[in-house]
Amino acid sequence: MSRQQGGRGKKKFSGRGGAPIKKQSQPKRSSHSDEIRLNKYIANSGICSRREADENIAIGLVTVNGKVITEMGYKVKSSDEVRFDGQRITPEAKVYVLLNKPKGFATTTAEGKGRTVMDLVANATTANIKPIGRLGRNSLGLLLFTNDEKVVQKFTNSKHGVARLFQVELDRNLKFEDLKKIQEGFKVDGKLITVEEVSYIEGESKNNIGIKIKNTGNSILRTIFETLKYDLVKIDCVAIAHLTKKDIPRGHWKHLTKQEVNTLKML
């Protein structure tokens, strides 16, 4: 028998009791066209490079659909929930769309709610963007959409948040003592209501008020003025941090510039 023949069918042994070595690995998925390697998925999300992704996978920082994955070469689908160090990530390029919302559109991603803001930005991108915060159906103004979870967290952070400036129109002039009350903060049902800034608008009648808040919704505005016995005629978000409505007609949107995005991330 030749060496070549004698080598056929041989198994590797561990040297301990002659038991064959078995490679332990997590079950692999069958190959599908919509699957990509987990390290590429992470790299595409902008978290780190592919090489660094492999290192982080190996130490157990990555989960897929709630299960820790440490296998190199593991493949995921676009529908999978991938988390890096507890934070959900997406391989899509980060997109930031600023809409000047008109009246009559609900701020929701749910179907069956009539006309929604998602209808207005349907042609902005194929990425899975969502609105940050809310504007009431009959409220106007700026609304930011993104698929960047870090930016979303900036807005929803209870300690910091991102300031939004509103112009509100009341059914009658705001009394100076009520203006001072809003500035100083007051309690409603035992809860302290505060704003960042509030003032009359220069050159306008005193039923037009500028008010800055960090809440992601605008229900606080109704709480404030209805508690003080004023009716809100109009609510218009005119600025989100450094972002304004300049060159965005009502019902239109724009993609943020690189500089605008960088400034937003530094807030």
Protein backbone atom coordinates (compact mmCIF):
# COMPACT_ATOMS: atom_id res chain seq x y z
CA MET A 1 0.00 0.00 0.00
CA SER A 2 1.41 3.42 -0.96
CA ARG A 3 1.66 6.32 1.43
CA GLN A 4 -1.00 8.08 -0.55
CA GLN A 5 -3.36 5.12 -0.24
CA GLY A 6 -2.52 4.62 3.42
CA GLY A 7 -3.34 8.26 4.14
CA ARG A 8 -6.92 7.98 2.96
CA GLY A 9 -9.64 8.13 5.58
CA LYS A 10 -7.26 9.02 8.40
CA LYS A 11 -8.63 11.12 11.27
CA LYS A 12 -6.82 13.56 13.49
CA PHE A 13 -6.55 12.54 17.11
CA SER A 14 -6.18 14.59 20.24
CA GLY A 15 -3.51 12.34 21.77
CA ARG A 16 -5.71 11.70 24.80
CA GLY A 17 -7.49 8.37 24.64
CA GLY A 18 -7.51 8.47 20.84
CA ALA A 19 -10.75 10.50 20.62
CA PRO A 20 -11.16 12.56 17.45
CA ILE A 21 -11.07 16.33 17.87
CA LYS A 22 -14.47 17.89 17.22
CA LYS A 23 -14.62 21.55 16.29
CA GLN A 24 -17.29 23.31 18.29
CA SER A 25 -19.19 25.95 16.40
CA GLN A 26 -22.57 27.60 16.36
CA PRO A 27 -25.02 26.35 13.73
CA LYS A 28 -24.62 28.03 10.38
CA ARG A 29 -27.45 29.30 8.28
CA SER A 30 -28.06 28.21 4.74
CA SER A 31 -26.82 30.76 2.24
CA HIS A 32 -29.30 33.37 1.00
CA SER A 33 -28.73 36.27 -1.36
CA ASP A 34 -29.95 38.81 1.19
CA GLU A 35 -27.47 37.69 3.86
CA ILE A 36 -24.17 39.37 4.62
CA ARG A 37 -21.37 38.56 7.02
CA LEU A 38 -21.89 39.91 10.50
CA ASN A 39 -18.57 41.79 10.53
CA LYS A 40 -19.50 43.56 7.28
CA TYR A 41 -22.94 44.41 8.69
CA ILE A 42 -21.27 46.03 11.71
CA ALA A 43 -18.70 47.86 9.58
CA ASN A 44 -21.43 49.18 7.27
CA SER A 45 -23.21 50.60 10.31
CA GLY A 46 -20.19 52.85 10.95
CA ILE A 47 -19.38 51.38 14.37
CA CYS A 48 -15.88 50.13 13.49
CA SER A 49 -13.82 48.38 10.80
CA ARG A 50 -14.39 44.74 9.80
CA ARG A 51 -11.25 43.65 11.64
CA GLU A 52 -12.35 45.43 14.80
CA ALA A 53 -15.81 43.94 14.34
CA ASP A 54 -14.32 40.44 14.37
CA GLU A 55 -12.53 41.23 17.63
CA ASN A 56 -15.73 42.53 19.21
CA ILE A 57 -17.71 39.52 17.98
CA ALA A 58 -15.11 37.19 19.51
CA ILE A 59 -15.46 38.74 22.97
CA GLY A 60 -19.26 38.50 22.90
CA LEU A 61 -20.26 42.12 22.36
CA VAL A 62 -22.63 41.34 19.49
CA THR A 63 -26.08 39.75 19.60
CA VAL A 64 -28.36 38.70 16.76
CA ASN A 65 -32.05 38.41 17.62
CA GLY A 66 -31.13 38.35 21.31
CA LYS A 67 -28.46 35.61 21.02
CA VAL A 68 -24.75 36.27 21.57
CA ILE A 69 -22.82 35.37 18.43
CA THR A 70 -19.08 34.64 18.58
CA GLU A 71 -18.73 32.69 15.34
CA MET A 72 -16.53 34.22 12.66
CA GLY A 73 -18.27 34.37 9.29
CA TYR A 74 -21.77 34.25 10.73
CA LYS A 75 -24.30 35.69 8.28
CA VAL A 76 -27.29 37.89 9.03
CA LYS A 77 -30.31 39.08 7.10
CA SER A 78 -31.58 42.64 6.83
CA SER A 79 -34.60 41.68 8.95
CA ASP A 80 -32.44 40.51 11.88
CA GLU A 81 -32.07 42.60 15.01
CA VAL A 82 -28.35 43.15 15.53
CA ARG A 83 -27.08 44.84 18.67
CA PHE A 84 -23.56 46.03 19.40
CA ASP A 85 -22.84 46.41 23.12
CA GLY A 86 -26.60 46.57 23.73
CA GLN A 87 -27.32 49.22 21.07
CA ARG A 88 -29.29 48.27 17.99
CA ILE A 89 -27.42 48.98 14.75
CA THR A 90 -28.30 49.06 11.07
CA PRO A 91 -26.04 48.64 8.01
CA GLU A 92 -27.79 51.46 6.19
CA ALA A 93 -25.96 54.69 5.52
CA LYS A 94 -26.98 57.30 8.07
CA VAL A 95 -29.63 59.63 6.66
CA TYR A 96 -30.91 62.93 8.07
CA VAL A 97 -34.01 64.53 6.55
CA LEU A 98 -35.52 67.82 7.74
CA LEU A 99 -39.21 68.37 6.93
CA ASN A 100 -41.23 71.59 7.15
CA LYS A 101 -44.50 69.95 8.18
CA PRO A 102 -47.85 71.41 7.08
CA LYS A 103 -51.15 70.98 8.92
CA GLY A 104 -53.21 67.84 8.55
CA PHE A 105 -50.47 65.20 8.80
CA ALA A 106 -50.05 62.89 11.79
CA THR A 107 -46.56 62.27 13.16
CA THR A 108 -46.57 58.48 13.11
CA THR A 109 -45.10 55.55 11.20
CA ALA A 110 -48.25 53.47 11.76
CA GLU A 111 -50.59 52.66 8.88
CA GLY A 112 -54.29 53.40 8.88
CA LYS A 113 -53.87 56.85 10.44
CA GLY A 114 -54.79 58.88 7.37
CA ARG A 115 -52.20 61.25 5.98
CA THR A 116 -48.90 61.01 7.87
CA VAL A 117 -45.51 62.70 7.76
CA MET A 118 -44.10 59.50 6.26
CA ASP A 119 -46.10 60.27 3.10
CA LEU A 120 -44.29 63.60 2.83
CA VAL A 121 -40.77 62.09 3.00
CA ALA A 122 -41.55 58.91 1.06
CA ASN A 123 -39.26 59.93 -1.81
CA ALA A 124 -36.43 61.28 0.37
CA THR A 125 -34.59 57.97 0.83
CA THR A 126 -34.94 54.20 0.80
CA ALA A 127 -33.43 54.03 4.31
CA ASN A 128 -35.67 53.17 7.26
CA ILE A 129 -35.94 56.67 8.71
CA LYS A 130 -38.32 57.67 11.49
CA PRO A 131 -39.37 61.04 12.93
CA ILE A 132 -37.74 62.18 16.16
CA GLY A 133 -40.42 63.35 18.55
CA ARG A 134 -43.87 64.49 17.56
CA LEU A 135 -45.81 67.40 16.17
CA GLY A 136 -49.61 67.32 16.49
CA ARG A 137 -51.65 66.75 13.34
CA ASN A 138 -52.52 70.46 13.18
CA SER A 139 -49.10 71.70 14.30
CA LEU A 140 -46.61 73.11 11.80
CA GLY A 141 -42.90 73.31 11.37
CA LEU A 142 -39.67 71.39 11.55
CA LEU A 143 -39.46 67.67 12.09
CA LEU A 144 -36.23 65.69 11.84
CA PHE A 145 -36.10 62.13 10.46
CA THR A 146 -33.14 59.78 10.76
CA ASN A 147 -32.02 56.17 11.14
CA ASP A 148 -29.11 57.25 13.38
CA GLU A 149 -29.85 55.89 16.86
CA LYS A 150 -27.15 58.03 18.48
CA VAL A 151 -28.84 61.21 17.25
CA VAL A 152 -32.22 59.90 18.39
CA GLN A 153 -30.75 59.33 21.85
CA LYS A 154 -29.59 62.96 21.98
CA PHE A 155 -33.18 64.11 21.59
CA THR A 156 -34.66 61.61 24.02
CA ASN A 157 -32.00 62.01 26.73
CA SER A 158 -33.96 63.11 29.80
CA LYS A 159 -31.07 65.15 31.23
CA HIS A 160 -29.91 66.99 28.12
CA GLY A 161 -32.14 66.68 25.06
CA VAL A 162 -32.08 69.02 22.07
CA ALA A 163 -33.78 72.42 22.17
CA ARG A 164 -36.62 73.25 19.78
CA LEU A 165 -37.95 76.75 19.29
CA PHE A 166 -41.68 77.28 18.74
CA GLN A 167 -43.75 80.27 17.77
CA VAL A 168 -47.22 79.97 19.24
CA GLU A 169 -50.27 82.11 18.60
CA LEU A 170 -52.81 82.48 21.42
CA ASP A 171 -56.44 83.48 21.31
CA ARG A 172 -55.58 86.64 23.31
CA ASN A 173 -52.57 88.58 24.55
CA LEU A 174 -50.40 86.81 27.11
CA LYS A 175 -50.39 88.72 30.39
CA PHE A 176 -46.96 89.73 31.68
CA GLU A 177 -47.57 87.96 34.99
CA ASP A 178 -48.36 84.75 33.10
CA LEU A 179 -45.19 85.19 31.04
CA LYS A 180 -43.19 85.46 34.28
CA LYS A 181 -44.95 82.41 35.66
CA ILE A 182 -43.88 80.36 32.63
CA GLN A 183 -40.32 81.67 32.90
CA GLU A 184 -40.06 80.71 36.56
CA GLY A 185 -41.84 77.35 36.22
CA PHE A 186 -45.02 76.22 37.91
CA LYS A 187 -46.65 73.00 39.02
CA VAL A 188 -49.50 71.22 37.27
CA ASP A 189 -51.00 68.25 39.13
CA GLY A 190 -47.93 68.24 41.38
CA LYS A 191 -45.46 68.15 38.47
CA LEU A 192 -43.09 71.05 37.84
CA ILE A 193 -43.45 72.47 34.32
CA THR A 194 -40.39 74.31 33.01
CA VAL A 195 -39.16 75.62 29.66
CA GLU A 196 -35.76 76.72 28.38
CA GLU A 197 -36.88 80.21 27.31
CA VAL A 198 -40.08 82.15 26.70
CA SER A 199 -40.66 85.71 25.46
CA TYR A 200 -42.87 88.00 23.42
CA ILE A 201 -41.88 88.16 19.75
CA GLU A 202 -40.43 91.53 18.82
CA GLY A 203 -42.63 93.48 16.42
CA GLU A 204 -45.61 91.16 16.95
CA SER A 205 -48.71 91.48 19.11
CA LYS A 206 -48.48 89.95 22.56
CA ASN A 207 -50.53 86.92 21.61
CA ASN A 208 -47.53 85.69 19.56
CA ILE A 209 -45.00 83.99 21.81
CA GLY A 210 -41.59 82.43 21.30
CA ILE A 211 -40.96 79.41 23.54
CA LYS A 212 -38.04 76.99 23.63
CA ILE A 213 -38.36 73.47 25.04
CA LYS A 214 -36.36 70.24 25.07
CA ASN A 215 -39.32 67.86 25.17
CA THR A 216 -39.59 65.59 22.13
CA GLY A 217 -43.33 66.25 21.84
CA ASN A 218 -45.29 69.51 22.00
CA SER A 219 -48.05 68.49 24.41
CA ILE A 220 -46.27 70.49 27.12
CA LEU A 221 -47.22 73.66 25.23
CA ARG A 222 -50.91 72.81 25.47
CA THR A 223 -50.47 71.93 29.14
CA ILE A 224 -48.87 75.32 29.87
CA PHE A 225 -51.31 77.57 28.06
CA GLU A 226 -54.49 75.66 28.76
CA THR A 227 -53.61 75.65 32.47
CA LEU A 228 -53.29 79.44 32.25
CA LYS A 229 -56.65 79.62 30.42
CA TYR A 230 -55.39 80.44 26.91
CA ASP A 231 -56.40 78.68 23.71
CA LEU A 232 -53.64 77.73 21.30
CA VAL A 233 -54.49 78.95 17.79
CA LYS A 234 -51.23 77.94 16.11
CA ILE A 235 -48.08 75.95 16.97
CA ASP A 236 -45.09 76.27 14.65
CA CYS A 237 -41.65 74.71 15.28
CA VAL A 238 -39.28 77.21 13.69
CA ALA A 239 -35.91 75.80 14.80
CA ILE A 240 -34.35 72.56 16.03
CA ALA A 241 -31.06 73.48 17.68
CA HIS A 242 -29.13 75.20 14.81
CA LEU A 243 -31.51 73.96 12.10
CA THR A 244 -34.05 76.42 10.67
CA LYS A 245 -36.76 76.50 7.99
CA LYS A 246 -34.63 78.60 5.64
CA ASP A 247 -35.11 77.46 2.02
CA ILE A 248 -37.60 74.72 3.02
CA PRO A 249 -41.13 75.63 1.85
CA ARG A 250 -44.05 74.22 3.82
CA GLY A 251 -44.58 70.56 2.93
CA HIS A 252 -41.04 70.15 1.56
CA TRP A 253 -37.90 68.54 2.97
CA LYS A 254 -34.14 68.60 2.56
CA HIS A 255 -31.17 66.39 3.43
CA LEU A 256 -28.92 67.89 6.09
CA THR A 257 -25.50 69.00 4.93
CA LYS A 258 -22.40 67.32 6.32
CA GLN A 259 -21.68 70.40 8.42
CA GLU A 260 -25.22 70.43 9.83
CA VAL A 261 -24.91 66.75 10.76
CA ASN A 262 -21.53 67.27 12.43
CA THR A 263 -22.89 70.17 14.47
CA LEU A 264 -25.90 68.08 15.49
CA LYS A 265 -23.63 65.28 16.70
CA MET A 266 -21.57 67.70 18.78
CA LEU A 267 -24.54 69.04 20.75
